[in-house]
Amino acid sequence: MALEYYLVLSALLFTTGVIGVLIRRNAIIIFMCIELMLNAANLAFVAISLSLGEATGQVFV
């Protein structure tokens, strides 16, 4: 897959997490949405590091 697909997926996951944090009032759901946002950032790190051919982004994850 191309880098753009991974970055779009990461942006969608991050946006879903932000919307969940802003809308929900349950603490457990808010923590799950924060975890979703962190996983979206991790996906972006890995996708960019794979496209650059370096393992630096994968080390952060």
PDB file of N, CA and C in Angstrom:
ATOM      1  N   MET A   1       0.834  -1.183   0.000  1.00  0.00           N
ATOM      2  CA  MET A   1       0.000   0.000   0.000  1.00  0.00           C
ATOM      3  C   MET A   1       0.879   1.247   0.000  1.00  0.00           C
ATOM      4  N   ALA A   2       0.321   2.300  -0.491  1.00  0.00           N
ATOM      5  CA  ALA A   2       1.060   3.555  -0.555  1.00  0.00           C
ATOM      6  C   ALA A   2       1.038   4.261   0.798  1.00  0.00           C
ATOM      7  N   LEU A   3       1.962   5.162   0.970  1.00  0.00           N
ATOM      8  CA  LEU A   3       2.076   5.911   2.216  1.00  0.00           C
ATOM      9  C   LEU A   3       0.810   6.715   2.501  1.00  0.00           C
ATOM     10  N   GLU A   4       0.202   7.239   1.458  1.00  0.00           N
ATOM     11  CA  GLU A   4      -0.981   8.081   1.646  1.00  0.00           C
ATOM     12  C   GLU A   4      -2.120   7.323   2.307  1.00  0.00           C
ATOM     13  N   TYR A   5      -2.283   6.045   1.970  1.00  0.00           N
ATOM     14  CA  TYR A   5      -3.360   5.251   2.564  1.00  0.00           C
ATOM     15  C   TYR A   5      -3.158   5.100   4.069  1.00  0.00           C
ATOM     16  N   TYR A   6      -1.932   4.844   4.472  1.00  0.00           N
ATOM     17  CA  TYR A   6      -1.647   4.708   5.899  1.00  0.00           C
ATOM     18  C   TYR A   6      -1.843   6.028   6.636  1.00  0.00           C
ATOM     19  N   LEU A   7      -1.446   7.124   6.021  1.00  0.00           N
ATOM     20  CA  LEU A   7      -1.607   8.421   6.672  1.00  0.00           C
ATOM     21  C   LEU A   7      -3.074   8.840   6.748  1.00  0.00           C
ATOM     22  N   VAL A   8      -3.847   8.509   5.730  1.00  0.00           N
ATOM     23  CA  VAL A   8      -5.284   8.797   5.778  1.00  0.00           C
ATOM     24  C   VAL A   8      -5.952   7.956   6.854  1.00  0.00           C
ATOM     25  N   LEU A   9      -5.575   6.684   6.946  1.00  0.00           N
ATOM     26  CA  LEU A   9      -6.120   5.829   7.997  1.00  0.00           C
ATOM     27  C   LEU A   9      -5.737   6.360   9.371  1.00  0.00           C
ATOM     28  N   SER A  10      -4.509   6.798   9.516  1.00  0.00           N
ATOM     29  CA  SER A  10      -4.058   7.365  10.780  1.00  0.00           C
ATOM     30  C   SER A  10      -4.839   8.632  11.122  1.00  0.00           C
ATOM     31  N   ALA A  11      -5.078   9.475  10.153  1.00  0.00           N
ATOM     32  CA  ALA A  11      -5.843  10.705  10.393  1.00  0.00           C
ATOM     33  C   ALA A  11      -7.286  10.394  10.769  1.00  0.00           C
ATOM     34  N   LEU A  12      -7.881   9.401  10.121  1.00  0.00           N
ATOM     35  CA  LEU A  12      -9.254   9.013  10.459  1.00  0.00           C
ATOM     36  C   LEU A  12      -9.344   8.452  11.874  1.00  0.00           C
ATOM     37  N   LEU A  13      -8.384   7.618  12.247  1.00  0.00           N
ATOM     38  CA  LEU A  13      -8.375   7.075  13.602  1.00  0.00           C
ATOM     39  C   LEU A  13      -8.179   8.181  14.636  1.00  0.00           C
ATOM     40  N   PHE A  14      -7.290   9.103  14.345  1.00  0.00           N
ATOM     41  CA  PHE A  14      -7.045  10.204  15.277  1.00  0.00           C
ATOM     42  C   PHE A  14      -8.282  11.087  15.413  1.00  0.00           C
ATOM     43  N   THR A  15      -8.936  11.379  14.299  1.00  0.00           N
ATOM     44  CA  THR A  15     -10.145  12.194  14.334  1.00  0.00           C
ATOM     45  C   THR A  15     -11.260  11.503  15.102  1.00  0.00           C
ATOM     46  N   THR A  16     -11.393  10.197  14.916  1.00  0.00           N
ATOM     47  CA  THR A  16     -12.388   9.437  15.668  1.00  0.00           C
ATOM     48  C   THR A  16     -12.104   9.510  17.162  1.00  0.00           C
ATOM     49  N   GLY A  17     -10.851   9.420  17.534  1.00  0.00           N
ATOM     50  CA  GLY A  17     -10.478   9.533  18.938  1.00  0.00           C
ATOM     51  C   GLY A  17     -10.773  10.901  19.516  1.00  0.00           C
ATOM     52  N   VAL A  18     -10.483  11.950  18.767  1.00  0.00           N
ATOM     53  CA  VAL A  18     -10.749  13.310  19.242  1.00  0.00           C
ATOM     54  C   VAL A  18     -12.245  13.531  19.419  1.00  0.00           C
ATOM     55  N   ILE A  19     -13.031  13.080  18.452  1.00  0.00           N
ATOM     56  CA  ILE A  19     -14.483  13.222  18.560  1.00  0.00           C
ATOM     57  C   ILE A  19     -15.009  12.443  19.759  1.00  0.00           C
ATOM     58  N   GLY A  20     -14.471  11.258  19.984  1.00  0.00           N
ATOM     59  CA  GLY A  20     -14.890  10.467  21.133  1.00  0.00           C
ATOM     60  C   GLY A  20     -14.556  11.126  22.450  1.00  0.00           C
ATOM     61  N   VAL A  21     -13.391  11.763  22.531  1.00  0.00           N
ATOM     62  CA  VAL A  21     -13.011  12.460  23.768  1.00  0.00           C
ATOM     63  C   VAL A  21     -13.922  13.659  24.008  1.00  0.00           C
ATOM     64  N   LEU A  22     -14.264  14.368  22.949  1.00  0.00           N
ATOM     65  CA  LEU A  22     -15.080  15.568  23.112  1.00  0.00           C
ATOM     66  C   LEU A  22     -16.545  15.264  23.390  1.00  0.00           C
ATOM     67  N   ILE A  23     -17.054  14.153  22.884  1.00  0.00           N
ATOM     68  CA  ILE A  23     -18.483  13.859  23.000  1.00  0.00           C
ATOM     69  C   ILE A  23     -18.812  13.028  24.231  1.00  0.00           C
ATOM     70  N   ARG A  24     -18.017  12.027  24.532  1.00  0.00           N
ATOM     71  CA  ARG A  24     -18.347  11.085  25.603  1.00  0.00           C
ATOM     72  C   ARG A  24     -18.063  11.662  26.976  1.00  0.00           C
ATOM     73  N   ARG A  25     -18.790  11.164  27.966  1.00  0.00           N
ATOM     74  CA  ARG A  25     -18.604  11.590  29.352  1.00  0.00           C
ATOM     75  C   ARG A  25     -18.111  10.454  30.244  1.00  0.00           C
ATOM     76  N   ASN A  26     -18.143   9.232  29.758  1.00  0.00           N
ATOM     77  CA  ASN A  26     -17.688   8.083  30.529  1.00  0.00           C
ATOM     78  C   ASN A  26     -16.156   8.047  30.520  1.00  0.00           C
ATOM     79  N   ALA A  27     -15.555   7.896  31.689  1.00  0.00           N
ATOM     80  CA  ALA A  27     -14.093   7.956  31.801  1.00  0.00           C
ATOM     81  C   ALA A  27     -13.416   6.819  31.049  1.00  0.00           C
ATOM     82  N   ILE A  28     -13.986   5.635  31.091  1.00  0.00           N
ATOM     83  CA  ILE A  28     -13.372   4.493  30.403  1.00  0.00           C
ATOM     84  C   ILE A  28     -13.387   4.709  28.897  1.00  0.00           C
ATOM     85  N   ILE A  29     -14.475   5.219  28.369  1.00  0.00           N
ATOM     86  CA  ILE A  29     -14.566   5.484  26.929  1.00  0.00           C
ATOM     87  C   ILE A  29     -13.588   6.586  26.533  1.00  0.00           C
ATOM     88  N   ILE A  30     -13.429   7.586  27.380  1.00  0.00           N
ATOM     89  CA  ILE A  30     -12.473   8.661  27.081  1.00  0.00           C
ATOM     90  C   ILE A  30     -11.052   8.108  27.026  1.00  0.00           C
ATOM     91  N   PHE A  31     -10.709   7.230  27.971  1.00  0.00           N
ATOM     92  CA  PHE A  31      -9.377   6.616  27.940  1.00  0.00           C
ATOM     93  C   PHE A  31      -9.189   5.741  26.703  1.00  0.00           C
ATOM     94  N   MET A  32     -10.237   5.057  26.278  1.00  0.00           N
ATOM     95  CA  MET A  32     -10.146   4.248  25.058  1.00  0.00           C
ATOM     96  C   MET A  32      -9.940   5.137  23.836  1.00  0.00           C
ATOM     97  N   CYS A  33     -10.582   6.291  23.806  1.00  0.00           N
ATOM     98  CA  CYS A  33     -10.406   7.214  22.688  1.00  0.00           C
ATOM     99  C   CYS A  33      -9.008   7.828  22.688  1.00  0.00           C
ATOM    100  N   ILE A  34      -8.469   8.103  23.867  1.00  0.00           N
ATOM    101  CA  ILE A  34      -7.092   8.602  23.949  1.00  0.00           C
ATOM    102  C   ILE A  34      -6.123   7.537  23.452  1.00  0.00           C
ATOM    103  N   GLU A  35      -6.369   6.289  23.810  1.00  0.00           N
ATOM    104  CA  GLU A  35      -5.528   5.188  23.320  1.00  0.00           C
ATOM    105  C   GLU A  35      -5.624   5.066  21.801  1.00  0.00           C
ATOM    106  N   LEU A  36      -6.811   5.284  21.254  1.00  0.00           N
ATOM    107  CA  LEU A  36      -6.983   5.260  19.805  1.00  0.00           C
ATOM    108  C   LEU A  36      -6.172   6.370  19.148  1.00  0.00           C
ATOM    109  N   MET A  37      -6.141   7.539  19.754  1.00  0.00           N
ATOM    110  CA  MET A  37      -5.346   8.639  19.220  1.00  0.00           C
ATOM    111  C   MET A  37      -3.854   8.324  19.272  1.00  0.00           C
ATOM    112  N   LEU A  38      -3.400   7.712  20.350  1.00  0.00           N
ATOM    113  CA  LEU A  38      -1.987   7.334  20.452  1.00  0.00           C
ATOM    114  C   LEU A  38      -1.620   6.265  19.424  1.00  0.00           C
ATOM    115  N   ASN A  39      -2.519   5.318  19.198  1.00  0.00           N
ATOM    116  CA  ASN A  39      -2.259   4.291  18.188  1.00  0.00           C
ATOM    117  C   ASN A  39      -2.232   4.885  16.782  1.00  0.00           C
ATOM    118  N   ALA A  40      -3.030   5.903  16.543  1.00  0.00           N
ATOM    119  CA  ALA A  40      -2.996   6.575  15.245  1.00  0.00           C
ATOM    120  C   ALA A  40      -1.651   7.262  15.028  1.00  0.00           C
ATOM    121  N   ALA A  41      -1.121   7.871  16.075  1.00  0.00           N
ATOM    122  CA  ALA A  41       0.206   8.491  15.961  1.00  0.00           C
ATOM    123  C   ALA A  41       1.278   7.434  15.730  1.00  0.00           C
ATOM    124  N   ASN A  42       1.165   6.296  16.400  1.00  0.00           N
ATOM    125  CA  ASN A  42       2.121   5.204  16.190  1.00  0.00           C
ATOM    126  C   ASN A  42       2.063   4.685  14.761  1.00  0.00           C
ATOM    127  N   LEU A  43       0.866   4.573  14.219  1.00  0.00           N
ATOM    128  CA  LEU A  43       0.718   4.124  12.834  1.00  0.00           C
ATOM    129  C   LEU A  43       1.379   5.104  11.875  1.00  0.00           C
ATOM    130  N   ALA A  44       1.245   6.383  12.133  1.00  0.00           N
ATOM    131  CA  ALA A  44       1.887   7.389  11.281  1.00  0.00           C
ATOM    132  C   ALA A  44       3.409   7.296  11.376  1.00  0.00           C
ATOM    133  N   PHE A  45       3.937   7.099  12.595  1.00  0.00           N
ATOM    134  CA  PHE A  45       5.389   6.931  12.753  1.00  0.00           C
ATOM    135  C   PHE A  45       5.900   5.748  11.943  1.00  0.00           C
ATOM    136  N   VAL A  46       5.228   4.619  12.045  1.00  0.00           N
ATOM    137  CA  VAL A  46       5.678   3.410  11.353  1.00  0.00           C
ATOM    138  C   VAL A  46       5.552   3.573   9.850  1.00  0.00           C
ATOM    139  N   ALA A  47       4.465   4.164   9.378  1.00  0.00           N
ATOM    140  CA  ALA A  47       4.271   4.332   7.938  1.00  0.00           C
ATOM    141  C   ALA A  47       5.333   5.246   7.343  1.00  0.00           C
ATOM    142  N   ILE A  48       5.632   6.331   8.013  1.00  0.00           N
ATOM    143  CA  ILE A  48       6.640   7.258   7.488  1.00  0.00           C
ATOM    144  C   ILE A  48       8.028   6.637   7.544  1.00  0.00           C
ATOM    145  N   SER A  49       8.318   5.889   8.605  1.00  0.00           N
ATOM    146  CA  SER A  49       9.642   5.266   8.684  1.00  0.00           C
ATOM    147  C   SER A  49       9.806   4.183   7.624  1.00  0.00           C
ATOM    148  N   LEU A  50       8.734   3.467   7.317  1.00  0.00           N
ATOM    149  CA  LEU A  50       8.831   2.466   6.253  1.00  0.00           C
ATOM    150  C   LEU A  50       9.043   3.115   4.891  1.00  0.00           C
ATOM    151  N   SER A  51       8.399   4.260   4.662  1.00  0.00           N
ATOM    152  CA  SER A  51       8.566   4.911   3.366  1.00  0.00           C
ATOM    153  C   SER A  51       9.958   5.508   3.212  1.00  0.00           C
ATOM    154  N   LEU A  52      10.566   5.919   4.335  1.00  0.00           N
ATOM    155  CA  LEU A  52      11.919   6.475   4.278  1.00  0.00           C
ATOM    156  C   LEU A  52      12.993   5.396   4.300  1.00  0.00           C
ATOM    157  N   GLY A  53      12.615   4.188   4.657  1.00  0.00           N
ATOM    158  CA  GLY A  53      13.577   3.098   4.703  1.00  0.00           C
ATOM    159  C   GLY A  53      14.429   3.090   5.948  1.00  0.00           C
ATOM    160  N   GLU A  54      13.998   3.784   6.986  1.00  0.00           N
ATOM    161  CA  GLU A  54      14.747   3.836   8.236  1.00  0.00           C
ATOM    162  C   GLU A  54      13.931   3.177   9.342  1.00  0.00           C
ATOM    163  N   ALA A  55      14.617   2.665  10.331  1.00  0.00           N
ATOM    164  CA  ALA A  55      13.942   1.997  11.441  1.00  0.00           C
ATOM    165  C   ALA A  55      13.729   2.920  12.632  1.00  0.00           C
ATOM    166  N   THR A  56      14.022   4.194  12.479  1.00  0.00           N
ATOM    167  CA  THR A  56      13.917   5.119  13.605  1.00  0.00           C
ATOM    168  C   THR A  56      12.481   5.261  14.091  1.00  0.00           C
ATOM    169  N   GLY A  57      11.531   5.388  13.183  1.00  0.00           N
ATOM    170  CA  GLY A  57      10.132   5.518  13.577  1.00  0.00           C
ATOM    171  C   GLY A  57       9.584   4.268  14.216  1.00  0.00           C
ATOM    172  N   GLN A  58      10.106   3.119  13.822  1.00  0.00           N
ATOM    173  CA  GLN A  58       9.651   1.869  14.413  1.00  0.00           C
ATOM    174  C   GLN A  58      10.218   1.684  15.812  1.00  0.00           C
ATOM    175  N   VAL A  59      11.362   2.291  16.095  1.00  0.00           N
ATOM    176  CA  VAL A  59      11.951   2.191  17.423  1.00  0.00           C
ATOM    177  C   VAL A  59      11.098   2.951  18.431  1.00  0.00           C
ATOM    178  N   PHE A  60      10.521   4.071  18.030  1.00  0.00           N
ATOM    179  CA  PHE A  60       9.674   4.849  18.933  1.00  0.00           C
ATOM    180  C   PHE A  60       8.418   4.096  19.329  1.00  0.00           C
ATOM    181  N   VAL A  61       7.942   3.249  18.446  1.00  0.00           N
ATOM    182  CA  VAL A  61       6.717   2.490  18.729  1.00  0.00           C
ATOM    183  C   VAL A  61       7.091   1.332  19.587  1.00  0.00           C
TER     184      VAL A  61
END
